[in-house]
PDB file of N, CA and C in Angstrom:
ATOM      1  N   MET A   1     139.679 107.131 104.741  1.00  0.00           N
ATOM      2  CA  MET A   1     139.339 105.706 104.926  1.00  0.00           C
ATOM      3  C   MET A   1     140.483 104.784 104.453  1.00  0.00           C
ATOM      4  N   SER A   2     140.748 103.868 105.244  1.00  0.00           N
ATOM      5  CA  SER A   2     141.827 102.903 104.937  1.00  0.00           C
ATOM      6  C   SER A   2     141.354 102.027 103.736  1.00  0.00           C
ATOM      7  N   ASP A   3     142.392 101.286 103.079  1.00  0.00           N
ATOM      8  CA  ASP A   3     141.994 100.357 102.048  1.00  0.00           C
ATOM      9  C   ASP A   3     141.170  99.223 102.708  1.00  0.00           C
ATOM     10  N   GLU A   4     141.594  98.785 103.941  1.00  0.00           N
ATOM     11  CA  GLU A   4     140.734  97.802 104.590  1.00  0.00           C
ATOM     12  C   GLU A   4     139.281  98.110 104.805  1.00  0.00           C
ATOM     13  N   GLU A   5     139.113  99.358 105.256  1.00  0.00           N
ATOM     14  CA  GLU A   5     137.758  99.823 105.403  1.00  0.00           C
ATOM     15  C   GLU A   5     136.993  99.962 104.099  1.00  0.00           C
ATOM     16  N   ARG A   6     137.643 100.333 103.074  1.00  0.00           N
ATOM     17  CA  ARG A   6     136.986 100.394 101.839  1.00  0.00           C
ATOM     18  C   ARG A   6     136.632  99.079 101.281  1.00  0.00           C
ATOM     19  N   ASP A   7     137.606  98.024 101.510  1.00  0.00           N
ATOM     20  CA  ASP A   7     137.246  96.670 101.133  1.00  0.00           C
ATOM     21  C   ASP A   7     136.076  96.055 101.937  1.00  0.00           C
ATOM     22  N   GLN A   8     136.010  96.337 103.283  1.00  0.00           N
ATOM     23  CA  GLN A   8     134.947  95.831 104.078  1.00  0.00           C
ATOM     24  C   GLN A   8     133.597  96.496 103.698  1.00  0.00           C
ATOM     25  N   THR A   9     133.558  97.701 103.431  1.00  0.00           N
ATOM     26  CA  THR A   9     132.282  98.405 102.925  1.00  0.00           C
ATOM     27  C   THR A   9     131.835  97.739 101.528  1.00  0.00           C
ATOM     28  N   TYR A  10     132.841  97.501 100.695  1.00  0.00           N
ATOM     29  CA  TYR A  10     132.386  96.987  99.412  1.00  0.00           C
ATOM     30  C   TYR A  10     131.883  95.570  99.595  1.00  0.00           C
ATOM     31  N   ARG A  11     132.546  94.685 100.436  1.00  0.00           N
ATOM     32  CA  ARG A  11     132.076  93.336 100.742  1.00  0.00           C
ATOM     33  C   ARG A  11     130.575  93.324 101.414  1.00  0.00           C
ATOM     34  N   GLU A  12     130.453  94.224 102.409  1.00  0.00           N
ATOM     35  CA  GLU A  12     129.173  94.317 103.019  1.00  0.00           C
ATOM     36  C   GLU A  12     128.172  94.722 102.102  1.00  0.00           C
ATOM     37  N   PHE A  13     128.409  95.677 101.306  1.00  0.00           N
ATOM     38  CA  PHE A  13     127.433  96.191 100.214  1.00  0.00           C
ATOM     39  C   PHE A  13     127.005  95.008  99.184  1.00  0.00           C
ATOM     40  N   GLY A  14     128.095  94.327  98.919  1.00  0.00           N
ATOM     41  CA  GLY A  14     127.828  93.152  97.989  1.00  0.00           C
ATOM     42  C   GLY A  14     126.990  92.014  98.681  1.00  0.00           C
ATOM     43  N   ASP A  15     127.149  91.933  99.999  1.00  0.00           N
ATOM     44  CA  ASP A  15     126.273  90.999 100.601  1.00  0.00           C
ATOM     45  C   ASP A  15     124.870  91.442 100.772  1.00  0.00           C
ATOM     46  N   ALA A  16     124.563  92.766 101.203  1.00  0.00           N
ATOM     47  CA  ALA A  16     123.463  93.323 101.355  1.00  0.00           C
ATOM     48  C   ALA A  16     122.460  93.411 100.050  1.00  0.00           C
ATOM     49  N   VAL A  17     123.179  93.796  98.985  1.00  0.00           N
ATOM     50  CA  VAL A  17     122.487  94.072  97.788  1.00  0.00           C
ATOM     51  C   VAL A  17     122.587  92.793  96.844  1.00  0.00           C
ATOM     52  N   ASN A  18     121.471  92.136  96.801  1.00  0.00           N
ATOM     53  CA  ASN A  18     121.496  90.756  96.114  1.00  0.00           C
ATOM     54  C   ASN A  18     120.699  90.887  94.743  1.00  0.00           C
ATOM     55  N   MET A  19     120.461  92.079  94.306  1.00  0.00           N
ATOM     56  CA  MET A  19     119.864  92.277  93.055  1.00  0.00           C
ATOM     57  C   MET A  19     120.995  92.903  92.076  1.00  0.00           C
ATOM     58  N   THR A  20     120.904  92.427  90.806  1.00  0.00           N
ATOM     59  CA  THR A  20     121.870  93.026  89.832  1.00  0.00           C
ATOM     60  C   THR A  20     121.331  94.474  89.470  1.00  0.00           C
ATOM     61  N   ALA A  21     122.241  95.144  88.807  1.00  0.00           N
ATOM     62  CA  ALA A  21     121.943  96.571  88.380  1.00  0.00           C
ATOM     63  C   ALA A  21     120.675  96.451  87.339  1.00  0.00           C
ATOM     64  N   SER A  22     120.691  95.462  86.454  1.00  0.00           N
ATOM     65  CA  SER A  22     119.619  95.340  85.509  1.00  0.00           C
ATOM     66  C   SER A  22     118.382  94.939  86.264  1.00  0.00           C
ATOM     67  N   GLU A  23     118.375  94.068  87.305  1.00  0.00           N
ATOM     68  CA  GLU A  23     117.141  93.648  87.942  1.00  0.00           C
ATOM     69  C   GLU A  23     116.632  94.909  88.719  1.00  0.00           C
ATOM     70  N   LEU A  24     117.483  95.571  89.346  1.00  0.00           N
ATOM     71  CA  LEU A  24     116.999  96.713  90.215  1.00  0.00           C
ATOM     72  C   LEU A  24     116.473  97.862  89.351  1.00  0.00           C
ATOM     73  N   GLU A  25     117.122  98.094  88.190  1.00  0.00           N
ATOM     74  CA  GLU A  25     116.648  99.124  87.255  1.00  0.00           C
ATOM     75  C   GLU A  25     115.203  98.758  86.718  1.00  0.00           C
ATOM     76  N   LYS A  26     114.958  97.531  86.386  1.00  0.00           N
ATOM     77  CA  LYS A  26     113.644  97.016  85.955  1.00  0.00           C
ATOM     78  C   LYS A  26     112.724  97.177  87.024  1.00  0.00           C
ATOM     79  N   TRP A  27     113.014  96.883  88.291  1.00  0.00           N
ATOM     80  CA  TRP A  27     112.145  96.929  89.438  1.00  0.00           C
ATOM     81  C   TRP A  27     111.819  98.394  89.710  1.00  0.00           C
ATOM     82  N   LEU A  28     112.713  99.285  89.590  1.00  0.00           N
ATOM     83  CA  LEU A  28     112.428 100.691  89.905  1.00  0.00           C
ATOM     84  C   LEU A  28     111.501 101.278  88.931  1.00  0.00           C
ATOM     85  N   ASP A  29     111.258 100.674  87.789  1.00  0.00           N
ATOM     86  CA  ASP A  29     110.314 101.244  86.710  1.00  0.00           C
ATOM     87  C   ASP A  29     108.929 100.713  87.004  1.00  0.00           C
ATOM     88  N   THR A  30     108.696  99.959  88.029  1.00  0.00           N
ATOM     89  CA  THR A  30     107.302  99.467  88.327  1.00  0.00           C
ATOM     90  C   THR A  30     106.487 100.395  89.184  1.00  0.00           C
ATOM     91  N   ASP A  31     105.180 100.125  89.111  1.00  0.00           N
ATOM     92  CA  ASP A  31     104.302 101.001  89.961  1.00  0.00           C
ATOM     93  C   ASP A  31     104.552 100.606  91.447  1.00  0.00           C
ATOM     94  N   GLU A  32     104.753  99.274  91.758  1.00  0.00           N
ATOM     95  CA  GLU A  32     104.897  98.923  93.064  1.00  0.00           C
ATOM     96  C   GLU A  32     106.022  99.464  93.753  1.00  0.00           C
ATOM     97  N   SER A  33     107.151  99.722  92.960  1.00  0.00           N
ATOM     98  CA  SER A  33     108.398 100.375  93.505  1.00  0.00           C
ATOM     99  C   SER A  33     108.176 101.759  93.914  1.00  0.00           C
ATOM    100  N   ARG A  34     107.363 102.397  92.986  1.00  0.00           N
ATOM    101  CA  ARG A  34     107.095 103.878  93.263  1.00  0.00           C
ATOM    102  C   ARG A  34     106.080 104.047  94.351  1.00  0.00           C
ATOM    103  N   ALA A  35     105.357 103.020  94.672  1.00  0.00           N
ATOM    104  CA  ALA A  35     104.182 103.164  95.626  1.00  0.00           C
ATOM    105  C   ALA A  35     104.639 103.186  97.059  1.00  0.00           C
ATOM    106  N   VAL A  36     105.848 102.601  97.357  1.00  0.00           N
ATOM    107  CA  VAL A  36     106.247 102.390  98.782  1.00  0.00           C
ATOM    108  C   VAL A  36     107.305 103.412  99.151  1.00  0.00           C
ATOM    109  N   GLY A  37     107.420 103.577 100.404  1.00  0.00           N
ATOM    110  CA  GLY A  37     108.589 104.371 100.949  1.00  0.00           C
ATOM    111  C   GLY A  37     108.075 105.776 101.320  1.00  0.00           C
ATOM    112  N   GLN A  38     108.980 106.361 102.166  1.00  0.00           N
ATOM    113  CA  GLN A  38     108.645 107.709 102.691  1.00  0.00           C
ATOM    114  C   GLN A  38     109.052 108.800 101.619  1.00  0.00           C
ATOM    115  N   LYS A  39     108.062 109.574 101.266  1.00  0.00           N
ATOM    116  CA  LYS A  39     108.237 110.585 100.151  1.00  0.00           C
ATOM    117  C   LYS A  39     108.428 111.861 100.779  1.00  0.00           C
ATOM    118  N   SER A  40     109.344 112.626 100.291  1.00  0.00           N
ATOM    119  CA  SER A  40     109.522 114.042 100.698  1.00  0.00           C
ATOM    120  C   SER A  40     108.814 114.998  99.683  1.00  0.00           C
ATOM    121  N   GLY A  41     107.815 115.776 100.300  1.00  0.00           N
ATOM    122  CA  GLY A  41     107.195 116.762  99.390  1.00  0.00           C
ATOM    123  C   GLY A  41     106.330 116.113  98.333  1.00  0.00           C
ATOM    124  N   GLY A  42     105.859 114.776  98.492  1.00  0.00           N
ATOM    125  CA  GLY A  42     105.125 114.243  97.382  1.00  0.00           C
ATOM    126  C   GLY A  42     105.756 113.756  96.201  1.00  0.00           C
ATOM    127  N   GLY A  43     107.148 113.801  96.241  1.00  0.00           N
ATOM    128  CA  GLY A  43     107.912 113.289  95.086  1.00  0.00           C
ATOM    129  C   GLY A  43     108.449 111.882  95.289  1.00  0.00           C
ATOM    130  N   GLU A  44     109.579 111.712  94.826  1.00  0.00           N
ATOM    131  CA  GLU A  44     110.152 110.294  94.870  1.00  0.00           C
ATOM    132  C   GLU A  44     110.567 109.982  96.340  1.00  0.00           C
ATOM    133  N   SER A  45     110.312 108.704  96.683  1.00  0.00           N
ATOM    134  CA  SER A  45     110.648 108.204  97.950  1.00  0.00           C
ATOM    135  C   SER A  45     112.173 108.176  98.166  1.00  0.00           C
ATOM    136  N   THR A  46     112.544 108.173  99.338  1.00  0.00           N
ATOM    137  CA  THR A  46     113.942 108.171  99.796  1.00  0.00           C
ATOM    138  C   THR A  46     114.563 106.806  99.131  1.00  0.00           C
ATOM    139  N   GLY A  47     113.857 105.662  99.326  1.00  0.00           N
ATOM    140  CA  GLY A  47     114.311 104.266  98.954  1.00  0.00           C
ATOM    141  C   GLY A  47     114.432 104.237  97.364  1.00  0.00           C
ATOM    142  N   HIS A  48     113.503 104.841  96.708  1.00  0.00           N
ATOM    143  CA  HIS A  48     113.454 104.830  95.218  1.00  0.00           C
ATOM    144  C   HIS A  48     114.741 105.565  94.692  1.00  0.00           C
ATOM    145  N   ALA A  49     114.993 106.683  95.279  1.00  0.00           N
ATOM    146  CA  ALA A  49     116.164 107.549  94.963  1.00  0.00           C
ATOM    147  C   ALA A  49     117.397 106.835  95.221  1.00  0.00           C
ATOM    148  N   SER A  50     117.372 106.125  96.345  1.00  0.00           N
ATOM    149  CA  SER A  50     118.594 105.299  96.697  1.00  0.00           C
ATOM    150  C   SER A  50     118.849 104.110  95.703  1.00  0.00           C
ATOM    151  N   GLY A  51     117.715 103.611  95.295  1.00  0.00           N
ATOM    152  CA  GLY A  51     117.765 102.475  94.324  1.00  0.00           C
ATOM    153  C   GLY A  51     118.391 102.982  93.052  1.00  0.00           C
ATOM    154  N   ARG A  52     118.074 104.202  92.516  1.00  0.00           N
ATOM    155  CA  ARG A  52     118.716 104.699  91.324  1.00  0.00           C
ATOM    156  C   ARG A  52     120.206 104.923  91.488  1.00  0.00           C
ATOM    157  N   ARG A  53     120.631 105.278  92.730  1.00  0.00           N
ATOM    158  CA  ARG A  53     122.024 105.439  93.089  1.00  0.00           C
ATOM    159  C   ARG A  53     122.733 104.169  93.128  1.00  0.00           C
ATOM    160  N   ILE A  54     122.082 103.130  93.705  1.00  0.00           N
ATOM    161  CA  ILE A  54     122.610 101.786  93.823  1.00  0.00           C
ATOM    162  C   ILE A  54     122.926 101.148  92.448  1.00  0.00           C
ATOM    163  N   VAL A  55     122.030 101.392  91.487  1.00  0.00           N
ATOM    164  CA  VAL A  55     122.279 100.994  90.153  1.00  0.00           C
ATOM    165  C   VAL A  55     123.565 101.609  89.570  1.00  0.00           C
ATOM    166  N   THR A  56     123.769 102.825  89.776  1.00  0.00           N
ATOM    167  CA  THR A  56     125.052 103.497  89.470  1.00  0.00           C
ATOM    168  C   THR A  56     126.249 102.857  90.189  1.00  0.00           C
ATOM    169  N   LEU A  57     126.009 102.694  91.451  1.00  0.00           N
ATOM    170  CA  LEU A  57     127.187 102.173  92.228  1.00  0.00           C
ATOM    171  C   LEU A  57     127.597 100.630  91.835  1.00  0.00           C
ATOM    172  N   LEU A  58     126.545  99.903  91.326  1.00  0.00           N
ATOM    173  CA  LEU A  58     126.720  98.574  90.896  1.00  0.00           C
ATOM    174  C   LEU A  58     127.502  98.462  89.671  1.00  0.00           C
ATOM    175  N   ARG A  59     127.356  99.537  88.902  1.00  0.00           N
ATOM    176  CA  ARG A  59     128.100  99.550  87.600  1.00  0.00           C
ATOM    177  C   ARG A  59     129.381 100.390  87.700  1.00  0.00           C
ATOM    178  N   THR A  60     129.781 100.779  88.895  1.00  0.00           N
ATOM    179  CA  THR A  60     131.009 101.521  89.052  1.00  0.00           C
ATOM    180  C   THR A  60     132.115 100.595  89.644  1.00  0.00           C
ATOM    181  N   ARG A  61     133.238 100.643  88.958  1.00  0.00           N
ATOM    182  CA  ARG A  61     134.472  99.854  89.395  1.00  0.00           C
ATOM    183  C   ARG A  61     134.867 100.176  90.752  1.00  0.00           C
ATOM    184  N   LYS A  62     135.258  99.242  91.606  1.00  0.00           N
ATOM    185  CA  LYS A  62     135.663  99.362  92.896  1.00  0.00           C
ATOM    186  C   LYS A  62     136.775 100.466  93.053  1.00  0.00           C
ATOM    187  N   ALA A  63     137.607 100.601  92.190  1.00  0.00           N
ATOM    188  CA  ALA A  63     138.729 101.493  92.281  1.00  0.00           C
ATOM    189  C   ALA A  63     138.245 103.032  91.982  1.00  0.00           C
ATOM    190  N   GLU A  64     137.114 103.108  91.341  1.00  0.00           N
ATOM    191  CA  GLU A  64     136.587 104.420  91.124  1.00  0.00           C
ATOM    192  C   GLU A  64     135.483 104.912  92.058  1.00  0.00           C
ATOM    193  N   LEU A  65     135.200 104.180  93.185  1.00  0.00           N
ATOM    194  CA  LEU A  65     134.275 104.577  94.111  1.00  0.00           C
ATOM    195  C   LEU A  65     134.817 105.755  94.961  1.00  0.00           C
ATOM    196  N   SER A  66     133.990 106.826  95.002  1.00  0.00           N
ATOM    197  CA  SER A  66     134.459 108.049  95.869  1.00  0.00           C
ATOM    198  C   SER A  66     134.014 107.810  97.307  1.00  0.00           C
ATOM    199  N   GLY A  67     134.461 108.744  98.139  1.00  0.00           N
ATOM    200  CA  GLY A  67     134.014 108.633  99.561  1.00  0.00           C
ATOM    201  C   GLY A  67     132.585 108.757  99.768  1.00  0.00           C
ATOM    202  N   ALA A  68     131.995 109.612  99.020  1.00  0.00           N
ATOM    203  CA  ALA A  68     130.508 109.761  99.080  1.00  0.00           C
ATOM    204  C   ALA A  68     129.825 108.454  98.610  1.00  0.00           C
ATOM    205  N   ASP A  69     130.318 107.791  97.561  1.00  0.00           N
ATOM    206  CA  ASP A  69     129.837 106.542  97.170  1.00  0.00           C
ATOM    207  C   ASP A  69     129.885 105.427  98.276  1.00  0.00           C
ATOM    208  N   LEU A  70     131.128 105.420  98.914  1.00  0.00           N
ATOM    209  CA  LEU A  70     131.169 104.475 100.037  1.00  0.00           C
ATOM    210  C   LEU A  70     130.348 104.787 101.216  1.00  0.00           C
ATOM    211  N   ALA A  71     130.142 106.053 101.499  1.00  0.00           N
ATOM    212  CA  ALA A  71     129.169 106.392 102.598  1.00  0.00           C
ATOM    213  C   ALA A  71     127.736 106.039 102.232  1.00  0.00           C
ATOM    214  N   HIS A  72     127.482 106.122 100.938  1.00  0.00           N
ATOM    215  CA  HIS A  72     126.072 105.653 100.561  1.00  0.00           C
ATOM    216  C   HIS A  72     126.035 104.107 100.660  1.00  0.00           C
ATOM    217  N   MET A  73     127.034 103.484 100.239  1.00  0.00           N
ATOM    218  CA  MET A  73     127.056 102.023 100.432  1.00  0.00           C
ATOM    219  C   MET A  73     126.868 101.626 101.826  1.00  0.00           C
ATOM    220  N   ARG A  74     127.544 102.238 102.807  1.00  0.00           N
ATOM    221  CA  ARG A  74     127.270 102.001 104.190  1.00  0.00           C
ATOM    222  C   ARG A  74     125.865 102.272 104.714  1.00  0.00           C
ATOM    223  N   LYS A  75     125.296 103.313 104.168  1.00  0.00           N
ATOM    224  CA  LYS A  75     123.867 103.627 104.389  1.00  0.00           C
ATOM    225  C   LYS A  75     122.929 102.493 103.964  1.00  0.00           C
ATOM    226  N   VAL A  76     123.262 101.939 102.856  1.00  0.00           N
ATOM    227  CA  VAL A  76     122.403 100.901 102.199  1.00  0.00           C
ATOM    228  C   VAL A  76     122.557  99.692 103.126  1.00  0.00           C
ATOM    229  N   VAL A  77     123.749  99.286 103.428  1.00  0.00           N
ATOM    230  CA  VAL A  77     123.913  98.174 104.421  1.00  0.00           C
ATOM    231  C   VAL A  77     123.140  98.233 105.658  1.00  0.00           C
ATOM    232  N   GLY A  78     123.256  99.488 106.293  1.00  0.00           N
ATOM    233  CA  GLY A  78     122.584  99.659 107.436  1.00  0.00           C
ATOM    234  C   GLY A  78     121.101  99.593 107.373  1.00  0.00           C
ATOM    235  N   TYR A  79     120.500 100.159 106.277  1.00  0.00           N
ATOM    236  CA  TYR A  79     119.061 100.171 106.024  1.00  0.00           C
ATOM    237  C   TYR A  79     118.631  98.627 105.790  1.00  0.00           C
ATOM    238  N   VAL A  80     119.260  97.990 105.028  1.00  0.00           N
ATOM    239  CA  VAL A  80     118.906  96.544 104.697  1.00  0.00           C
ATOM    240  C   VAL A  80     118.982  95.647 105.992  1.00  0.00           C
ATOM    241  N   HIS A  81     119.928  95.955 106.930  1.00  0.00           N
ATOM    242  CA  HIS A  81     120.063  95.180 108.108  1.00  0.00           C
ATOM    243  C   HIS A  81     118.891  95.458 109.010  1.00  0.00           C
ATOM    244  N   ARG A  82     118.670  96.766 109.258  1.00  0.00           N
ATOM    245  CA  ARG A  82     117.544  97.178 110.035  1.00  0.00           C
ATOM    246  C   ARG A  82     116.160  96.711 109.608  1.00  0.00           C
ATOM    247  N   HIS A  83     115.942  96.826 108.313  1.00  0.00           N
ATOM    248  CA  HIS A  83     114.679  96.448 107.749  1.00  0.00           C
ATOM    249  C   HIS A  83     114.483  94.965 107.780  1.00  0.00           C
ATOM    250  N   LEU A  84     115.535  94.111 107.603  1.00  0.00           N
ATOM    251  CA  LEU A  84     115.391  92.697 107.712  1.00  0.00           C
ATOM    252  C   LEU A  84     115.032  92.363 109.082  1.00  0.00           C
ATOM    253  N   ALA A  85     115.389  93.112 110.130  1.00  0.00           N
ATOM    254  CA  ALA A  85     115.135  92.675 111.534  1.00  0.00           C
ATOM    255  C   ALA A  85     113.750  92.951 111.836  1.00  0.00           C
ATOM    256  N   GLN A  86     112.943  93.745 110.964  1.00  0.00           N
ATOM    257  CA  GLN A  86     111.641  94.065 111.135  1.00  0.00           C
ATOM    258  C   GLN A  86     110.715  93.145 110.230  1.00  0.00           C
ATOM    259  N   ARG A  87     111.184  92.073 109.859  1.00  0.00           N
ATOM    260  CA  ARG A  87     110.358  91.151 108.991  1.00  0.00           C
ATOM    261  C   ARG A  87     108.990  90.810 109.606  1.00  0.00           C
ATOM    262  N   PRO A  88     107.890  91.152 108.814  1.00  0.00           N
ATOM    263  CA  PRO A  88     106.591  90.703 109.242  1.00  0.00           C
ATOM    264  C   PRO A  88     106.414  89.248 109.216  1.00  0.00           C
ATOM    265  N   GLY A  89     105.386  88.754 109.880  1.00  0.00           N
ATOM    266  CA  GLY A  89     105.056  87.241 109.864  1.00  0.00           C
ATOM    267  C   GLY A  89     104.350  87.026 108.549  1.00  0.00           C
ATOM    268  N   GLY A  90     104.277  85.716 108.193  1.00  0.00           N
ATOM    269  CA  GLY A  90     103.515  85.227 107.032  1.00  0.00           C
ATOM    270  C   GLY A  90     104.315  85.416 105.659  1.00  0.00           C
ATOM    271  N   ASP A  91     103.495  85.330 104.632  1.00  0.00           N
ATOM    272  CA  ASP A  91     104.072  85.385 103.325  1.00  0.00           C
ATOM    273  C   ASP A  91     104.394  86.883 103.011  1.00  0.00           C
ATOM    274  N   VAL A  92     105.575  87.147 102.639  1.00  0.00           N
ATOM    275  CA  VAL A  92     105.873  88.593 102.406  1.00  0.00           C
ATOM    276  C   VAL A  92     106.087  88.928 100.938  1.00  0.00           C
ATOM    277  N   THR A  93     105.544  88.001 100.056  1.00  0.00           N
ATOM    278  CA  THR A  93     105.758  88.102  98.617  1.00  0.00           C
ATOM    279  C   THR A  93     105.224  89.567  98.122  1.00  0.00           C
ATOM    280  N   GLY A  94     104.137  89.858  98.377  1.00  0.00           N
ATOM    281  CA  GLY A  94     103.578  91.141  97.827  1.00  0.00           C
ATOM    282  C   GLY A  94     103.358  92.258  98.805  1.00  0.00           C
ATOM    283  N   THR A  95     104.300  92.281  99.686  1.00  0.00           N
ATOM    284  CA  THR A  95     104.135  93.318 100.830  1.00  0.00           C
ATOM    285  C   THR A  95     104.999  94.537 100.641  1.00  0.00           C
ATOM    286  N   PRO A  96     104.580  95.636 101.050  1.00  0.00           N
ATOM    287  CA  PRO A  96     105.314  96.885 101.119  1.00  0.00           C
ATOM    288  C   PRO A  96     106.700  96.678 101.703  1.00  0.00           C
ATOM    289  N   TRP A  97     106.762  95.833 102.765  1.00  0.00           N
ATOM    290  CA  TRP A  97     108.021  95.480 103.460  1.00  0.00           C
ATOM    291  C   TRP A  97     109.044  95.023 102.380  1.00  0.00           C
ATOM    292  N   ARG A  98     108.749  94.111 101.630  1.00  0.00           N
ATOM    293  CA  ARG A  98     109.626  93.430 100.592  1.00  0.00           C
ATOM    294  C   ARG A  98     109.875  94.497  99.513  1.00  0.00           C
ATOM    295  N   TYR A  99     108.820  95.277  99.127  1.00  0.00           N
ATOM    296  CA  TYR A  99     109.111  96.203  97.998  1.00  0.00           C
ATOM    297  C   TYR A  99     109.968  97.344  98.458  1.00  0.00           C
ATOM    298  N   SER A 100     109.921  97.706  99.663  1.00  0.00           N
ATOM    299  CA  SER A 100     110.787  98.758 100.188  1.00  0.00           C
ATOM    300  C   SER A 100     112.253  98.168 100.153  1.00  0.00           C
ATOM    301  N   LEU A 101     112.453  97.026 100.648  1.00  0.00           N
ATOM    302  CA  LEU A 101     113.782  96.415 100.612  1.00  0.00           C
ATOM    303  C   LEU A 101     114.365  96.316  99.069  1.00  0.00           C
ATOM    304  N   MET A 102     113.403  95.949  98.216  1.00  0.00           N
ATOM    305  CA  MET A 102     113.909  95.743  96.843  1.00  0.00           C
ATOM    306  C   MET A 102     114.237  97.205  96.327  1.00  0.00           C
ATOM    307  N   ASN A 103     113.620  98.264  96.738  1.00  0.00           N
ATOM    308  CA  ASN A 103     114.094  99.610  96.258  1.00  0.00           C
ATOM    309  C   ASN A 103     115.541  99.814  96.722  1.00  0.00           C
ATOM    310  N   TRP A 104     116.003  99.147  97.790  1.00  0.00           N
ATOM    311  CA  TRP A 104     117.290  99.305  98.268  1.00  0.00           C
ATOM    312  C   TRP A 104     118.317  98.203  97.752  1.00  0.00           C
ATOM    313  N   GLY A 105     117.690  97.447  96.845  1.00  0.00           N
ATOM    314  CA  GLY A 105     118.597  96.484  96.170  1.00  0.00           C
ATOM    315  C   GLY A 105     118.595  95.017  96.755  1.00  0.00           C
ATOM    316  N   HIS A 106     117.724  94.794  97.727  1.00  0.00           N
ATOM    317  CA  HIS A 106     117.736  93.537  98.387  1.00  0.00           C
ATOM    318  C   HIS A 106     116.318  92.889  98.280  1.00  0.00           C
ATOM    319  N   ASP A 107     116.280  91.691  97.657  1.00  0.00           N
ATOM    320  CA  ASP A 107     115.070  90.954  97.596  1.00  0.00           C
ATOM    321  C   ASP A 107     115.135  89.836  98.653  1.00  0.00           C
ATOM    322  N   PRO A 108     114.278  89.939  99.731  1.00  0.00           N
ATOM    323  CA  PRO A 108     114.393  88.992 100.847  1.00  0.00           C
ATOM    324  C   PRO A 108     113.887  87.602 100.438  1.00  0.00           C
ATOM    325  N   LEU A 109     113.327  87.450  99.311  1.00  0.00           N
ATOM    326  CA  LEU A 109     112.859  86.043  98.840  1.00  0.00           C
ATOM    327  C   LEU A 109     114.059  85.256  98.193  1.00  0.00           C
ATOM    328  N   ARG A 110     115.267  85.758  98.081  1.00  0.00           N
ATOM    329  CA  ARG A 110     116.353  85.134  97.531  1.00  0.00           C
ATOM    330  C   ARG A 110     117.147  84.421  98.571  1.00  0.00           C
TER     331      ARG A 110
END
């Protein structure tokens, strides 16, 4: 991956993830966070696991990001963009749609 591609991924991730590491970490500890998303084998949802990884990525210096980190960052950007395009009508404040996005580090009410 070129430096330009790394920079673009980093910027897009920063645009998609609008919660701080501390905010996301606190959110992931809530029952609402754990209640949403597709779970594999009855365990943790994909989004919740991703959220934990996002916390780590937000606390990692850009120069220290691995190829796997950048790949996950691209996955996050794609998920956030796809999910935003599926916004339901009405007030989304307490909806599973919003909670799912928040597990991926994006609060659509910001």
